[in-house]
Each structure stands twice: as structure tokens, then as C-alpha cells.
């Protein structure tokens, strides 16, 4: 059975001509891809079973070598202190950083809410990206 919140958000993205795809056994995951200044990002929306919450995760925008990882902890902490709407996490297994946000949603307005949250995540990642790259290459 398809997740109603995911269906509504997918329809909203289609109406804005934003390419996206539905994933997950219960069609509760939406994926979009974006070109940012200097990088690309995949944004996933994981909708809760009761359609009252969503986790947004931006991935594949920064990769680093194991040797560069230590330098990034300070930068991740500084970015997490600066940006209250997005949490940056070092994924040690995949040697990358992802951006994550969570939101409480209401079914009657979830599509617009998710879109606004996505735009906020994209803006923050684009702003933080040069800071991460400076740390990686310094």
C-alpha cells in the first residue's frame, strides 16, 4: 500500500516538473537529484508510516579519503552549530558526509512543507559545500 504523504509529494513535484522517483516496498521513499554550485546531490524523503513525519537526507555531495576524515570533524561540528535546520553527519563506512533534516508534517499541507524543507536543505548544503572542500584540500 502506497504511503499517502509520499504520493501527495510526488504529485506536487510532478506539477513543478521536478524529476523524482518513488522507492521502497511500501512506496514511502521519494528520491530527487539536484545540480548545485560545484557538486550534485541526491535528496531522499523517508515518510513515516502514519504520514505525520518525514526524514530528508541529502547524500553523494562530498566524498573524502580516510586520511582526510580527521580534518572534517571540526568542520562538521562548526556547520552543525551554524545551521539549525540541517545536521551534517560523517559516514565513516562510505567516506562521505550527508545532510539530514526531520520534519513533522500534516497530510493536508505535506507536499508544500516537504518542498520548502528540501529547498532549505539544498540552500544550506550549497552554502556549506565550499567550507567542506576547503577542509578537505587544505
N, C-alpha and C. Protein backbone atom coordinates (compact mmCIF):
# COMPACT_ATOMS: atom_id res chain seq x y z
N UNK A 1 0.85 -1.19 0.00
CA UNK A 1 0.00 0.00 0.00
C UNK A 1 0.89 1.24 0.00
N UNK A 2 0.62 2.14 -0.88
CA UNK A 2 1.43 3.33 -1.04
C UNK A 2 1.20 4.31 0.11
N UNK A 3 2.27 4.98 0.49
CA UNK A 3 2.22 6.00 1.52
C UNK A 3 1.53 7.24 0.96
N UNK A 4 0.48 7.71 1.60
CA UNK A 4 -0.32 8.82 1.09
C UNK A 4 0.51 10.11 1.04
N UNK A 5 1.29 10.38 2.07
CA UNK A 5 2.12 11.59 2.08
C UNK A 5 3.13 11.56 0.93
N UNK A 6 3.73 10.41 0.70
CA UNK A 6 4.68 10.28 -0.42
C UNK A 6 3.98 10.49 -1.75
N UNK A 7 2.78 9.95 -1.89
CA UNK A 7 2.02 10.14 -3.13
C UNK A 7 1.72 11.62 -3.37
N UNK A 8 1.29 12.31 -2.32
CA UNK A 8 0.98 13.73 -2.46
C UNK A 8 2.22 14.54 -2.83
N UNK A 9 3.33 14.22 -2.21
CA UNK A 9 4.57 14.93 -2.51
C UNK A 9 5.03 14.64 -3.94
N UNK A 10 4.93 13.40 -4.38
CA UNK A 10 5.30 13.04 -5.74
C UNK A 10 4.46 13.81 -6.75
N UNK A 11 3.16 13.91 -6.51
CA UNK A 11 2.28 14.68 -7.40
C UNK A 11 2.68 16.15 -7.43
N UNK A 12 3.04 16.69 -6.27
CA UNK A 12 3.47 18.08 -6.18
C UNK A 12 4.75 18.29 -6.99
N UNK A 13 5.71 17.40 -6.84
CA UNK A 13 6.95 17.51 -7.61
C UNK A 13 6.68 17.41 -9.10
N UNK A 14 5.80 16.50 -9.49
CA UNK A 14 5.43 16.37 -10.90
C UNK A 14 4.82 17.67 -11.43
N UNK A 15 3.99 18.32 -10.62
CA UNK A 15 3.34 19.57 -11.05
C UNK A 15 4.37 20.69 -11.21
N UNK A 16 5.49 20.61 -10.51
CA UNK A 16 6.57 21.60 -10.63
C UNK A 16 7.64 21.15 -11.62
N UNK A 17 7.38 20.04 -12.29
CA UNK A 17 8.28 19.45 -13.28
C UNK A 17 9.65 19.13 -12.68
N UNK A 18 9.63 18.64 -11.44
CA UNK A 18 10.84 18.18 -10.77
C UNK A 18 10.89 16.67 -10.92
N UNK A 19 11.96 16.19 -11.53
CA UNK A 19 12.09 14.74 -11.71
C UNK A 19 12.30 14.06 -10.37
N UNK A 20 11.57 12.99 -10.16
CA UNK A 20 11.68 12.25 -8.90
C UNK A 20 11.24 10.82 -9.17
N UNK A 21 11.58 9.97 -8.21
CA UNK A 21 11.15 8.58 -8.33
C UNK A 21 10.72 8.07 -6.96
N UNK A 22 9.80 7.12 -7.00
CA UNK A 22 9.28 6.50 -5.78
C UNK A 22 10.04 5.21 -5.55
N UNK A 23 10.42 4.99 -4.30
CA UNK A 23 11.15 3.77 -3.93
C UNK A 23 10.55 3.17 -2.67
N UNK A 24 11.02 2.01 -2.32
CA UNK A 24 10.58 1.34 -1.10
C UNK A 24 9.43 0.39 -1.38
N UNK A 25 9.38 -0.67 -0.61
CA UNK A 25 8.33 -1.67 -0.78
C UNK A 25 6.94 -1.10 -0.60
N UNK A 26 6.83 -0.14 0.29
CA UNK A 26 5.52 0.48 0.53
C UNK A 26 5.44 1.86 -0.09
N UNK A 27 6.31 2.13 -1.06
CA UNK A 27 6.35 3.40 -1.78
C UNK A 27 6.36 4.58 -0.82
N UNK A 28 7.24 4.49 0.19
CA UNK A 28 7.33 5.52 1.21
C UNK A 28 8.58 6.38 1.07
N UNK A 29 9.36 6.16 0.01
CA UNK A 29 10.59 6.90 -0.21
C UNK A 29 10.51 7.63 -1.55
N UNK A 30 10.87 8.90 -1.54
CA UNK A 30 10.95 9.69 -2.77
C UNK A 30 12.40 10.13 -2.92
N UNK A 31 12.93 10.04 -4.15
CA UNK A 31 14.29 10.48 -4.45
C UNK A 31 14.27 11.53 -5.54
N UNK A 32 15.03 12.61 -5.31
CA UNK A 32 15.24 13.63 -6.34
C UNK A 32 16.73 13.86 -6.47
N UNK A 33 17.15 14.40 -7.58
CA UNK A 33 18.55 14.75 -7.80
C UNK A 33 18.67 16.20 -8.22
N UNK A 34 19.71 16.86 -7.72
CA UNK A 34 19.89 18.29 -7.99
C UNK A 34 21.34 18.59 -8.32
N UNK A 35 21.52 19.55 -9.23
CA UNK A 35 22.84 20.11 -9.51
C UNK A 35 22.99 21.37 -8.66
N UNK A 36 24.03 21.41 -7.85
CA UNK A 36 24.33 22.58 -7.04
C UNK A 36 25.59 23.24 -7.57
N UNK A 37 25.93 24.37 -7.02
CA UNK A 37 27.14 25.07 -7.42
C UNK A 37 28.34 24.27 -6.96
N UNK A 38 28.99 23.55 -7.87
CA UNK A 38 30.19 22.79 -7.56
C UNK A 38 29.98 21.32 -7.29
N UNK A 39 28.74 20.88 -7.13
CA UNK A 39 28.51 19.47 -6.81
C UNK A 39 27.10 19.06 -7.24
N UNK A 40 26.81 17.81 -7.07
CA UNK A 40 25.46 17.27 -7.27
C UNK A 40 25.04 16.63 -5.97
N UNK A 41 23.74 16.49 -5.77
CA UNK A 41 23.22 15.89 -4.55
C UNK A 41 21.97 15.08 -4.86
N UNK A 42 21.85 13.96 -4.20
CA UNK A 42 20.62 13.17 -4.23
C UNK A 42 19.89 13.44 -2.92
N UNK A 43 18.61 13.75 -3.01
CA UNK A 43 17.81 14.03 -1.82
C UNK A 43 16.74 12.96 -1.70
N UNK A 44 16.72 12.31 -0.55
CA UNK A 44 15.75 11.25 -0.25
C UNK A 44 14.79 11.72 0.83
N UNK A 45 13.53 11.36 0.67
CA UNK A 45 12.49 11.64 1.65
C UNK A 45 11.98 10.30 2.16
N UNK A 46 12.09 10.08 3.45
CA UNK A 46 11.62 8.86 4.09
C UNK A 46 10.39 9.22 4.91
N UNK A 47 9.23 8.84 4.43
CA UNK A 47 7.98 9.19 5.08
C UNK A 47 7.61 8.14 6.13
N UNK A 48 7.16 8.61 7.29
CA UNK A 48 6.73 7.72 8.35
C UNK A 48 5.46 6.99 7.97
N UNK A 49 5.25 5.85 8.59
CA UNK A 49 4.09 5.02 8.29
C UNK A 49 2.76 5.73 8.54
N UNK A 50 2.74 6.61 9.53
CA UNK A 50 1.48 7.29 9.86
C UNK A 50 1.33 8.63 9.14
N UNK A 51 2.25 8.95 8.23
CA UNK A 51 2.19 10.16 7.39
C UNK A 51 2.24 11.45 8.21
N UNK A 52 2.89 11.43 9.35
CA UNK A 52 2.99 12.64 10.17
C UNK A 52 4.43 13.14 10.30
N UNK A 53 5.38 12.43 9.70
CA UNK A 53 6.77 12.86 9.79
C UNK A 53 7.53 12.42 8.54
N UNK A 54 8.63 13.13 8.32
CA UNK A 54 9.49 12.81 7.18
C UNK A 54 10.94 13.09 7.57
N UNK A 55 11.83 12.23 7.12
CA UNK A 55 13.26 12.48 7.26
C UNK A 55 13.78 12.78 5.86
N UNK A 56 14.53 13.85 5.75
CA UNK A 56 15.11 14.27 4.49
C UNK A 56 16.62 14.07 4.59
N UNK A 57 17.18 13.40 3.61
CA UNK A 57 18.61 13.14 3.66
C UNK A 57 19.23 13.46 2.30
N UNK A 58 20.22 14.35 2.32
CA UNK A 58 20.98 14.70 1.12
C UNK A 58 22.30 13.94 1.12
N UNK A 59 22.55 13.20 0.06
CA UNK A 59 23.74 12.33 0.00
C UNK A 59 24.50 12.55 -1.30
N UNK A 60 25.71 12.00 -1.31
CA UNK A 60 26.56 11.96 -2.51
C UNK A 60 27.02 13.33 -2.98
N UNK A 61 27.18 14.29 -2.06
CA UNK A 61 27.68 15.59 -2.47
C UNK A 61 29.13 15.83 -2.05
N UNK A 62 29.64 15.02 -1.11
CA UNK A 62 31.04 15.12 -0.70
C UNK A 62 31.57 13.72 -0.42
N UNK A 63 32.71 13.45 -0.99
CA UNK A 63 33.44 12.22 -0.69
C UNK A 63 34.82 12.63 -0.19
N UNK A 64 35.38 11.81 0.68
CA UNK A 64 36.71 12.10 1.19
C UNK A 64 37.48 10.80 1.37
N UNK A 65 38.77 10.92 1.48
CA UNK A 65 39.60 9.74 1.72
C UNK A 65 39.68 9.51 3.23
N UNK A 66 40.01 8.31 3.65
CA UNK A 66 40.15 8.06 5.09
C UNK A 66 41.15 9.00 5.76
N UNK A 67 42.18 9.41 5.03
CA UNK A 67 43.18 10.32 5.59
C UNK A 67 42.61 11.73 5.81
N UNK A 68 41.61 12.12 5.06
CA UNK A 68 41.02 13.45 5.18
C UNK A 68 39.94 13.53 6.26
N UNK A 69 39.49 12.39 6.72
CA UNK A 69 38.35 12.33 7.65
C UNK A 69 38.59 13.14 8.92
N UNK A 70 39.74 13.02 9.50
CA UNK A 70 40.01 13.68 10.79
C UNK A 70 39.82 15.19 10.70
N UNK A 71 40.20 15.80 9.58
CA UNK A 71 40.05 17.25 9.40
C UNK A 71 38.59 17.68 9.35
N UNK A 72 37.73 16.77 8.98
CA UNK A 72 36.33 17.13 8.75
C UNK A 72 35.49 17.20 10.02
N UNK A 73 35.91 16.56 11.08
CA UNK A 73 35.11 16.58 12.32
C UNK A 73 34.88 18.01 12.83
N UNK A 74 35.92 18.82 12.82
CA UNK A 74 35.79 20.20 13.28
C UNK A 74 34.84 20.98 12.37
N UNK A 75 34.95 20.77 11.08
CA UNK A 75 34.10 21.49 10.13
C UNK A 75 32.65 21.05 10.28
N UNK A 76 32.42 19.76 10.44
CA UNK A 76 31.05 19.26 10.63
C UNK A 76 30.46 19.85 11.91
N UNK A 77 31.23 19.87 12.98
CA UNK A 77 30.73 20.46 14.22
C UNK A 77 30.40 21.94 14.06
N UNK A 78 31.27 22.68 13.37
CA UNK A 78 31.03 24.11 13.14
C UNK A 78 29.77 24.33 12.29
N UNK A 79 29.60 23.51 11.27
CA UNK A 79 28.40 23.64 10.42
C UNK A 79 27.14 23.26 11.20
N UNK A 80 27.23 22.24 12.02
CA UNK A 80 26.06 21.86 12.82
C UNK A 80 25.70 22.94 13.82
N UNK A 81 26.69 23.69 14.29
CA UNK A 81 26.43 24.81 15.19
C UNK A 81 25.82 25.99 14.44
N UNK A 82 26.24 26.18 13.20
CA UNK A 82 25.79 27.34 12.42
C UNK A 82 24.39 27.14 11.82
N UNK A 83 24.12 25.95 11.32
CA UNK A 83 22.86 25.71 10.61
C UNK A 83 21.92 24.89 11.48
N UNK A 84 20.85 25.49 11.91
CA UNK A 84 19.95 24.79 12.83
C UNK A 84 18.96 23.86 12.13
N UNK A 85 18.75 24.02 10.85
CA UNK A 85 17.74 23.22 10.15
C UNK A 85 18.30 21.94 9.54
N UNK A 86 19.62 21.84 9.47
CA UNK A 86 20.25 20.68 8.85
C UNK A 86 21.36 20.18 9.77
N UNK A 87 21.44 18.87 9.87
CA UNK A 87 22.52 18.23 10.63
C UNK A 87 23.42 17.52 9.62
N UNK A 88 24.72 17.80 9.71
CA UNK A 88 25.70 17.11 8.87
C UNK A 88 26.29 15.95 9.64
N UNK A 89 26.47 14.83 8.94
CA UNK A 89 26.96 13.61 9.57
C UNK A 89 28.07 13.02 8.70
N UNK A 90 29.16 12.61 9.36
CA UNK A 90 30.23 11.90 8.65
C UNK A 90 29.86 10.42 8.63
N UNK A 91 29.75 9.88 7.45
CA UNK A 91 29.50 8.45 7.28
C UNK A 91 30.86 7.78 7.09
N UNK A 92 31.35 7.19 8.15
CA UNK A 92 32.69 6.61 8.13
C UNK A 92 32.78 5.37 7.25
N UNK A 93 31.69 4.68 7.09
CA UNK A 93 31.70 3.47 6.27
C UNK A 93 31.85 3.80 4.78
N UNK A 94 31.17 4.86 4.33
CA UNK A 94 31.20 5.22 2.92
C UNK A 94 32.15 6.38 2.61
N UNK A 95 32.80 6.94 3.64
CA UNK A 95 33.69 8.09 3.46
C UNK A 95 32.99 9.24 2.73
N UNK A 96 31.85 9.62 3.26
CA UNK A 96 31.18 10.80 2.75
C UNK A 96 30.45 11.50 3.89
N UNK A 97 29.92 12.66 3.56
CA UNK A 97 29.13 13.44 4.51
C UNK A 97 27.72 13.52 3.96
N UNK A 98 26.75 13.36 4.83
CA UNK A 98 25.38 13.58 4.38
C UNK A 98 24.72 14.65 5.23
N UNK A 99 23.70 15.25 4.68
CA UNK A 99 22.92 16.29 5.36
C UNK A 99 21.55 15.69 5.68
N UNK A 100 21.08 15.96 6.88
CA UNK A 100 19.82 15.35 7.31
C UNK A 100 18.94 16.39 8.00
N UNK A 101 17.65 16.26 7.77
CA UNK A 101 16.66 17.11 8.43
C UNK A 101 15.43 16.27 8.70
N UNK A 102 14.74 16.57 9.76
CA UNK A 102 13.50 15.88 10.10
C UNK A 102 12.39 16.92 10.23
N UNK A 103 11.18 16.52 9.89
CA UNK A 103 10.06 17.45 9.98
C UNK A 103 8.79 16.70 10.38
N UNK A 104 7.98 17.40 11.15
CA UNK A 104 6.62 16.96 11.44
C UNK A 104 5.75 17.54 10.32
N UNK A 105 4.92 16.72 9.73
CA UNK A 105 4.10 17.19 8.60
C UNK A 105 2.63 16.91 8.87
N UNK A 106 1.79 17.65 8.17
CA UNK A 106 0.35 17.41 8.19
C UNK A 106 -0.05 17.00 6.77
N UNK A 107 -0.91 16.05 6.69
CA UNK A 107 -1.26 15.48 5.39
C UNK A 107 -1.82 16.53 4.42
N UNK A 108 -2.60 17.47 4.92
CA UNK A 108 -3.21 18.46 4.02
C UNK A 108 -2.22 19.49 3.47
N UNK A 109 -1.02 19.57 4.05
CA UNK A 109 -0.04 20.53 3.57
C UNK A 109 1.36 19.92 3.40
N UNK A 110 1.44 18.61 3.45
CA UNK A 110 2.76 17.95 3.47
C UNK A 110 3.57 18.19 2.21
N UNK A 111 2.95 18.28 1.07
CA UNK A 111 3.70 18.44 -0.18
C UNK A 111 4.47 19.76 -0.18
N UNK A 112 3.79 20.84 0.15
CA UNK A 112 4.45 22.15 0.20
C UNK A 112 5.48 22.19 1.33
N UNK A 113 5.17 21.59 2.47
CA UNK A 113 6.11 21.55 3.59
C UNK A 113 7.39 20.82 3.19
N UNK A 114 7.24 19.68 2.55
CA UNK A 114 8.41 18.89 2.14
C UNK A 114 9.23 19.64 1.10
N UNK A 115 8.55 20.32 0.20
CA UNK A 115 9.26 21.09 -0.82
C UNK A 115 10.07 22.21 -0.18
N UNK A 116 9.47 22.92 0.76
CA UNK A 116 10.18 24.00 1.44
C UNK A 116 11.36 23.46 2.24
N UNK A 117 11.18 22.34 2.90
CA UNK A 117 12.29 21.71 3.64
C UNK A 117 13.41 21.31 2.69
N UNK A 118 13.06 20.78 1.54
CA UNK A 118 14.06 20.38 0.55
C UNK A 118 14.84 21.60 0.07
N UNK A 119 14.15 22.68 -0.22
CA UNK A 119 14.83 23.89 -0.68
C UNK A 119 15.78 24.42 0.40
N UNK A 120 15.37 24.33 1.64
CA UNK A 120 16.23 24.76 2.74
C UNK A 120 17.48 23.88 2.82
N UNK A 121 17.32 22.57 2.72
CA UNK A 121 18.46 21.66 2.75
C UNK A 121 19.40 21.97 1.58
N UNK A 122 18.86 22.14 0.39
CA UNK A 122 19.70 22.43 -0.78
C UNK A 122 20.48 23.73 -0.60
N UNK A 123 19.82 24.75 -0.10
CA UNK A 123 20.48 26.04 0.10
C UNK A 123 21.62 25.91 1.12
N UNK A 124 21.36 25.23 2.22
CA UNK A 124 22.38 25.09 3.27
C UNK A 124 23.56 24.24 2.78
N UNK A 125 23.28 23.15 2.08
CA UNK A 125 24.36 22.31 1.55
C UNK A 125 25.21 23.11 0.57
N UNK A 126 24.55 23.87 -0.29
CA UNK A 126 25.30 24.67 -1.26
C UNK A 126 26.17 25.72 -0.56
N UNK A 127 25.68 26.28 0.53
CA UNK A 127 26.45 27.26 1.29
C UNK A 127 27.61 26.62 2.05
N UNK A 128 27.39 25.42 2.59
CA UNK A 128 28.42 24.75 3.38
C UNK A 128 29.44 24.01 2.52
N UNK A 129 29.10 23.67 1.31
CA UNK A 129 29.98 22.87 0.46
C UNK A 129 31.39 23.44 0.33
N UNK A 130 31.57 24.75 0.05
CA UNK A 130 32.94 25.26 -0.06
C UNK A 130 33.74 25.14 1.24
N UNK A 131 33.08 25.22 2.37
CA UNK A 131 33.75 25.08 3.66
C UNK A 131 34.29 23.66 3.81
N UNK A 132 33.49 22.68 3.43
CA UNK A 132 33.95 21.28 3.48
C UNK A 132 35.10 21.06 2.51
N UNK A 133 34.98 21.59 1.32
CA UNK A 133 36.04 21.38 0.32
C UNK A 133 37.35 22.04 0.74
N UNK A 134 37.26 23.21 1.36
CA UNK A 134 38.47 23.87 1.85
C UNK A 134 39.17 23.00 2.89
N UNK A 135 38.39 22.38 3.77
CA UNK A 135 38.97 21.50 4.79
C UNK A 135 39.60 20.25 4.16
N UNK A 136 38.95 19.71 3.16
CA UNK A 136 39.47 18.51 2.50
C UNK A 136 40.79 18.80 1.79
N UNK A 137 40.88 19.93 1.14
CA UNK A 137 42.05 20.21 0.33
C UNK A 137 43.11 21.06 1.01
N UNK A 138 42.91 21.38 2.29
CA UNK A 138 43.93 22.19 2.98
C UNK A 138 44.99 21.31 3.62
